[in-house]
């Protein structure tokens, strides 16, 4: 996981922007999840995944995303998917990820969340 960037939303909440891997599978998903767990331990609970470069998310990758969503939701935070491809959004909707996560068009849109 690359070093996350910070952005504040319209309410002043800090979101960490994390670049999603090109191919989001069990291995890359687990690395991302492990990094998020460490960040949650130090108090971060809001994450925005910049998925501009992500081409594929397989079923194991989706399960890692679900774990991240549940972890952050349980701590009063959340997950946002940024710049996702239509096929990924459709997959996320079918798999139920969008029941507890949000979608925005770009990383800049995170600053306008309320």
N, C-alpha and C. Protein backbone atom coordinates (compact mmCIF):
# COMPACT_ATOMS: atom_id res chain seq x y z
N UNK A 1 0.85 -1.17 0.00
CA UNK A 1 0.00 0.00 0.00
C UNK A 1 0.90 1.24 0.00
N UNK A 2 0.63 2.13 -0.94
CA UNK A 2 1.40 3.37 -0.99
C UNK A 2 0.97 4.28 0.16
N UNK A 3 1.78 5.30 0.40
CA UNK A 3 1.44 6.23 1.47
C UNK A 3 0.15 6.96 1.14
N UNK A 4 -0.81 6.89 2.05
CA UNK A 4 -2.09 7.57 1.79
C UNK A 4 -1.96 9.08 1.89
N UNK A 5 -2.81 9.77 1.14
CA UNK A 5 -2.90 11.22 1.21
C UNK A 5 -4.13 11.56 2.05
N UNK A 6 -4.15 12.75 2.61
CA UNK A 6 -5.29 13.17 3.42
C UNK A 6 -6.10 14.22 2.70
N UNK A 7 -7.41 14.17 2.93
CA UNK A 7 -8.31 15.20 2.44
C UNK A 7 -9.41 15.35 3.50
N UNK A 8 -9.90 16.58 3.68
CA UNK A 8 -10.99 16.81 4.63
C UNK A 8 -12.28 17.03 3.86
N UNK A 9 -13.37 16.48 4.42
CA UNK A 9 -14.69 16.68 3.81
C UNK A 9 -15.29 17.98 4.32
N UNK A 10 -16.51 18.26 3.88
CA UNK A 10 -17.16 19.52 4.23
C UNK A 10 -17.45 19.65 5.73
N UNK A 11 -17.44 18.55 6.45
CA UNK A 11 -17.65 18.58 7.90
C UNK A 11 -16.33 18.60 8.68
N UNK A 12 -15.20 18.61 7.97
CA UNK A 12 -13.89 18.63 8.61
C UNK A 12 -13.34 17.26 8.96
N UNK A 13 -14.01 16.18 8.54
CA UNK A 13 -13.52 14.83 8.79
C UNK A 13 -12.35 14.51 7.87
N UNK A 14 -11.35 13.85 8.41
CA UNK A 14 -10.18 13.47 7.63
C UNK A 14 -10.44 12.13 6.94
N UNK A 15 -10.21 12.11 5.63
CA UNK A 15 -10.27 10.89 4.83
C UNK A 15 -8.88 10.59 4.32
N UNK A 16 -8.48 9.33 4.35
CA UNK A 16 -7.22 8.93 3.75
C UNK A 16 -7.50 8.40 2.35
N UNK A 17 -6.81 8.96 1.37
CA UNK A 17 -6.95 8.52 -0.02
C UNK A 17 -5.91 7.43 -0.26
N UNK A 18 -6.39 6.28 -0.68
CA UNK A 18 -5.51 5.13 -0.92
C UNK A 18 -5.65 4.71 -2.38
N UNK A 19 -4.52 4.61 -3.06
CA UNK A 19 -4.53 4.14 -4.44
C UNK A 19 -4.79 2.64 -4.46
N UNK A 20 -5.82 2.26 -5.17
CA UNK A 20 -6.17 0.85 -5.29
C UNK A 20 -5.28 0.21 -6.35
N UNK A 21 -4.91 -1.06 -6.17
CA UNK A 21 -4.06 -1.73 -7.15
C UNK A 21 -4.77 -1.95 -8.49
N UNK A 22 -3.98 -2.15 -9.52
CA UNK A 22 -4.53 -2.40 -10.87
C UNK A 22 -5.39 -3.67 -10.87
N UNK A 23 -4.86 -4.72 -10.25
CA UNK A 23 -5.60 -5.98 -10.14
C UNK A 23 -5.83 -6.24 -8.66
N UNK A 24 -7.06 -6.16 -8.23
CA UNK A 24 -7.41 -6.27 -6.82
C UNK A 24 -7.83 -7.70 -6.56
N UNK A 25 -6.90 -8.51 -6.06
CA UNK A 25 -7.18 -9.92 -5.77
C UNK A 25 -6.95 -10.19 -4.29
N UNK A 26 -6.87 -11.44 -3.93
CA UNK A 26 -6.65 -11.81 -2.54
C UNK A 26 -5.36 -11.28 -1.97
N UNK A 27 -4.27 -11.35 -2.74
CA UNK A 27 -2.97 -10.89 -2.25
C UNK A 27 -2.93 -9.37 -2.07
N UNK A 28 -3.28 -8.64 -3.12
CA UNK A 28 -3.23 -7.18 -3.02
C UNK A 28 -4.31 -6.68 -2.07
N UNK A 29 -5.45 -7.34 -2.06
CA UNK A 29 -6.53 -6.97 -1.15
C UNK A 29 -6.14 -7.18 0.31
N UNK A 30 -5.42 -8.28 0.58
CA UNK A 30 -4.99 -8.55 1.95
C UNK A 30 -3.97 -7.52 2.41
N UNK A 31 -3.05 -7.15 1.53
CA UNK A 31 -2.06 -6.12 1.87
C UNK A 31 -2.76 -4.80 2.20
N UNK A 32 -3.74 -4.46 1.39
CA UNK A 32 -4.49 -3.24 1.62
C UNK A 32 -5.26 -3.31 2.94
N UNK A 33 -5.92 -4.43 3.18
CA UNK A 33 -6.68 -4.62 4.42
C UNK A 33 -5.76 -4.55 5.64
N UNK A 34 -4.60 -5.18 5.56
CA UNK A 34 -3.64 -5.13 6.68
C UNK A 34 -3.21 -3.69 6.97
N UNK A 35 -2.98 -2.92 5.90
CA UNK A 35 -2.61 -1.52 6.07
C UNK A 35 -3.72 -0.71 6.70
N UNK A 36 -4.94 -0.98 6.30
CA UNK A 36 -6.10 -0.26 6.85
C UNK A 36 -6.25 -0.61 8.33
N UNK A 37 -6.07 -1.87 8.68
CA UNK A 37 -6.18 -2.28 10.08
C UNK A 37 -5.18 -1.50 10.95
N UNK A 38 -3.96 -1.34 10.46
CA UNK A 38 -2.95 -0.59 11.21
C UNK A 38 -3.35 0.88 11.34
N UNK A 39 -3.90 1.44 10.29
CA UNK A 39 -4.33 2.84 10.35
C UNK A 39 -5.52 3.03 11.28
N UNK A 40 -6.42 2.06 11.30
CA UNK A 40 -7.57 2.12 12.21
C UNK A 40 -7.08 2.08 13.66
N UNK A 41 -6.05 1.29 13.92
CA UNK A 41 -5.50 1.19 15.27
C UNK A 41 -5.00 2.53 15.79
N UNK A 42 -4.56 3.41 14.89
CA UNK A 42 -4.07 4.73 15.32
C UNK A 42 -5.11 5.82 15.15
N UNK A 43 -6.36 5.43 14.82
CA UNK A 43 -7.45 6.39 14.85
C UNK A 43 -8.09 6.80 13.54
N UNK A 44 -7.56 6.36 12.41
CA UNK A 44 -8.20 6.70 11.13
C UNK A 44 -9.33 5.72 10.86
N UNK A 45 -10.49 6.25 10.44
CA UNK A 45 -11.64 5.38 10.19
C UNK A 45 -12.35 5.69 8.87
N UNK A 46 -11.83 6.65 8.11
CA UNK A 46 -12.44 7.04 6.83
C UNK A 46 -11.40 6.88 5.73
N UNK A 47 -11.76 6.06 4.74
CA UNK A 47 -10.84 5.77 3.64
C UNK A 47 -11.55 5.94 2.30
N UNK A 48 -10.85 6.54 1.36
CA UNK A 48 -11.36 6.69 0.00
C UNK A 48 -10.39 5.95 -0.92
N UNK A 49 -10.91 4.98 -1.64
CA UNK A 49 -10.08 4.21 -2.56
C UNK A 49 -10.12 4.85 -3.94
N UNK A 50 -8.97 5.33 -4.39
CA UNK A 50 -8.86 5.88 -5.74
C UNK A 50 -8.68 4.69 -6.68
N UNK A 51 -9.72 4.36 -7.41
CA UNK A 51 -9.72 3.17 -8.25
C UNK A 51 -9.54 3.49 -9.73
N UNK A 52 -8.92 4.63 -10.01
CA UNK A 52 -8.73 5.07 -11.40
C UNK A 52 -7.93 4.05 -12.21
N UNK A 53 -6.98 3.38 -11.60
CA UNK A 53 -6.13 2.43 -12.31
C UNK A 53 -6.60 0.98 -12.16
N UNK A 54 -7.61 0.74 -11.35
CA UNK A 54 -8.07 -0.63 -11.10
C UNK A 54 -8.85 -1.15 -12.29
N UNK A 55 -8.40 -2.28 -12.81
CA UNK A 55 -9.04 -2.92 -13.95
C UNK A 55 -9.98 -4.05 -13.53
N UNK A 56 -9.57 -4.82 -12.51
CA UNK A 56 -10.31 -6.01 -12.11
C UNK A 56 -10.31 -6.14 -10.59
N UNK A 57 -11.45 -6.53 -10.05
CA UNK A 57 -11.55 -6.91 -8.64
C UNK A 57 -12.17 -8.30 -8.63
N UNK A 58 -11.39 -9.28 -8.17
CA UNK A 58 -11.95 -10.64 -8.15
C UNK A 58 -12.73 -10.87 -6.86
N UNK A 59 -13.31 -12.05 -6.72
CA UNK A 59 -14.19 -12.34 -5.59
C UNK A 59 -13.47 -12.25 -4.25
N UNK A 60 -12.22 -12.68 -4.21
CA UNK A 60 -11.47 -12.60 -2.95
C UNK A 60 -11.14 -11.14 -2.64
N UNK A 61 -10.86 -10.35 -3.67
CA UNK A 61 -10.65 -8.92 -3.48
C UNK A 61 -11.89 -8.24 -2.93
N UNK A 62 -13.06 -8.64 -3.45
CA UNK A 62 -14.32 -8.10 -2.93
C UNK A 62 -14.49 -8.44 -1.46
N UNK A 63 -14.13 -9.67 -1.09
CA UNK A 63 -14.27 -10.06 0.32
C UNK A 63 -13.38 -9.22 1.22
N UNK A 64 -12.19 -8.84 0.73
CA UNK A 64 -11.30 -7.96 1.52
C UNK A 64 -11.91 -6.57 1.65
N UNK A 65 -12.54 -6.10 0.59
CA UNK A 65 -13.22 -4.80 0.65
C UNK A 65 -14.37 -4.84 1.65
N UNK A 66 -15.10 -5.93 1.67
CA UNK A 66 -16.20 -6.08 2.63
C UNK A 66 -15.66 -6.02 4.06
N UNK A 67 -14.54 -6.70 4.30
CA UNK A 67 -13.93 -6.66 5.63
C UNK A 67 -13.55 -5.22 6.01
N UNK A 68 -12.98 -4.49 5.07
CA UNK A 68 -12.58 -3.10 5.33
C UNK A 68 -13.81 -2.24 5.62
N UNK A 69 -14.87 -2.43 4.85
CA UNK A 69 -16.11 -1.67 5.06
C UNK A 69 -16.67 -1.96 6.45
N UNK A 70 -16.74 -3.22 6.82
CA UNK A 70 -17.29 -3.59 8.12
C UNK A 70 -16.43 -3.04 9.26
N UNK A 71 -15.13 -3.10 9.10
CA UNK A 71 -14.21 -2.58 10.12
C UNK A 71 -14.44 -1.08 10.33
N UNK A 72 -14.45 -0.33 9.25
CA UNK A 72 -14.61 1.12 9.36
C UNK A 72 -16.01 1.50 9.83
N UNK A 73 -17.00 0.81 9.33
CA UNK A 73 -18.38 1.09 9.74
C UNK A 73 -18.55 0.84 11.24
N UNK A 74 -17.93 -0.21 11.73
CA UNK A 74 -18.01 -0.53 13.16
C UNK A 74 -17.33 0.50 14.05
N UNK A 75 -16.45 1.29 13.48
CA UNK A 75 -15.73 2.33 14.23
C UNK A 75 -16.33 3.71 13.98
N UNK A 76 -17.45 3.78 13.27
CA UNK A 76 -18.08 5.06 13.01
C UNK A 76 -17.52 5.79 11.80
N UNK A 77 -16.75 5.09 10.99
CA UNK A 77 -16.16 5.70 9.80
C UNK A 77 -16.83 5.23 8.54
N UNK A 78 -16.07 5.13 7.47
CA UNK A 78 -16.65 4.68 6.22
C UNK A 78 -15.64 4.51 5.11
N UNK A 79 -16.15 4.00 4.01
CA UNK A 79 -15.36 3.76 2.80
C UNK A 79 -16.05 4.47 1.64
N UNK A 80 -15.24 5.08 0.78
CA UNK A 80 -15.72 5.70 -0.45
C UNK A 80 -14.89 5.15 -1.60
N UNK A 81 -15.55 4.81 -2.69
CA UNK A 81 -14.86 4.39 -3.91
C UNK A 81 -14.85 5.57 -4.87
N UNK A 82 -13.67 5.94 -5.35
CA UNK A 82 -13.50 7.09 -6.25
C UNK A 82 -13.11 6.64 -7.66
N UNK A 83 -13.68 7.32 -8.64
CA UNK A 83 -13.34 7.13 -10.05
C UNK A 83 -13.40 5.67 -10.49
N UNK A 84 -14.35 4.94 -9.98
CA UNK A 84 -14.49 3.54 -10.35
C UNK A 84 -15.08 3.38 -11.74
N UNK A 85 -14.67 2.34 -12.40
CA UNK A 85 -15.20 2.00 -13.72
C UNK A 85 -16.63 1.46 -13.57
N UNK A 86 -17.47 1.68 -14.57
CA UNK A 86 -18.86 1.20 -14.49
C UNK A 86 -18.97 -0.29 -14.18
N UNK A 87 -18.09 -1.10 -14.75
CA UNK A 87 -18.16 -2.54 -14.49
C UNK A 87 -17.86 -2.86 -13.03
N UNK A 88 -16.93 -2.09 -12.42
CA UNK A 88 -16.63 -2.31 -11.01
C UNK A 88 -17.81 -1.87 -10.14
N UNK A 89 -18.40 -0.75 -10.49
CA UNK A 89 -19.56 -0.29 -9.72
C UNK A 89 -20.70 -1.29 -9.78
N UNK A 90 -20.90 -1.87 -10.95
CA UNK A 90 -21.95 -2.88 -11.09
C UNK A 90 -21.64 -4.09 -10.21
N UNK A 91 -20.39 -4.52 -10.21
CA UNK A 91 -19.96 -5.63 -9.37
C UNK A 91 -20.18 -5.30 -7.90
N UNK A 92 -19.77 -4.10 -7.49
CA UNK A 92 -19.91 -3.69 -6.10
C UNK A 92 -21.39 -3.64 -5.69
N UNK A 93 -22.23 -3.19 -6.58
CA UNK A 93 -23.66 -3.12 -6.29
C UNK A 93 -24.24 -4.53 -6.12
N UNK A 94 -23.90 -5.43 -7.05
CA UNK A 94 -24.40 -6.80 -6.99
C UNK A 94 -23.93 -7.49 -5.72
N UNK A 95 -22.69 -7.24 -5.32
CA UNK A 95 -22.11 -7.89 -4.14
C UNK A 95 -22.54 -7.22 -2.83
N UNK A 96 -23.27 -6.11 -2.92
CA UNK A 96 -23.78 -5.45 -1.72
C UNK A 96 -22.83 -4.47 -1.07
N UNK A 97 -21.70 -4.18 -1.69
CA UNK A 97 -20.75 -3.26 -1.09
C UNK A 97 -21.31 -1.84 -0.97
N UNK A 98 -22.20 -1.47 -1.87
CA UNK A 98 -22.70 -0.10 -1.86
C UNK A 98 -23.82 0.12 -0.85
N UNK A 99 -24.14 -0.91 -0.08
CA UNK A 99 -25.11 -0.73 0.99
C UNK A 99 -24.49 0.05 2.15
N UNK A 100 -23.16 -0.08 2.32
CA UNK A 100 -22.48 0.60 3.41
C UNK A 100 -21.29 1.44 2.95
N UNK A 101 -21.09 1.52 1.66
CA UNK A 101 -20.01 2.34 1.11
C UNK A 101 -20.61 3.30 0.09
N UNK A 102 -19.88 4.36 -0.20
CA UNK A 102 -20.37 5.37 -1.15
C UNK A 102 -19.46 5.40 -2.36
N UNK A 103 -19.99 6.02 -3.41
CA UNK A 103 -19.23 6.19 -4.64
C UNK A 103 -19.23 7.66 -5.00
N UNK A 104 -18.07 8.17 -5.38
CA UNK A 104 -17.95 9.53 -5.90
C UNK A 104 -17.17 9.46 -7.21
N UNK A 105 -17.32 10.49 -8.01
CA UNK A 105 -16.69 10.48 -9.33
C UNK A 105 -15.20 10.68 -9.33
N UNK A 106 -14.67 11.39 -8.32
CA UNK A 106 -13.23 11.65 -8.28
C UNK A 106 -12.78 11.85 -6.85
N UNK A 107 -11.48 11.83 -6.66
CA UNK A 107 -10.91 12.07 -5.34
C UNK A 107 -11.31 13.45 -4.84
N UNK A 108 -11.35 14.43 -5.74
CA UNK A 108 -11.74 15.79 -5.35
C UNK A 108 -13.15 15.83 -4.76
N UNK A 109 -14.01 14.92 -5.20
CA UNK A 109 -15.39 14.89 -4.69
C UNK A 109 -15.46 14.49 -3.22
N UNK A 110 -14.42 13.86 -2.70
CA UNK A 110 -14.41 13.47 -1.28
C UNK A 110 -14.50 14.72 -0.41
N UNK A 111 -13.90 15.81 -0.85
CA UNK A 111 -13.94 17.05 -0.07
C UNK A 111 -15.35 17.62 0.04
N UNK A 112 -16.25 17.19 -0.83
CA UNK A 112 -17.62 17.69 -0.81
C UNK A 112 -18.60 16.75 -0.10
N UNK A 113 -18.08 15.67 0.48
CA UNK A 113 -18.95 14.76 1.23
C UNK A 113 -19.49 15.45 2.48
N UNK A 114 -20.68 15.08 2.86
CA UNK A 114 -21.24 15.60 4.11
C UNK A 114 -21.77 14.47 4.96
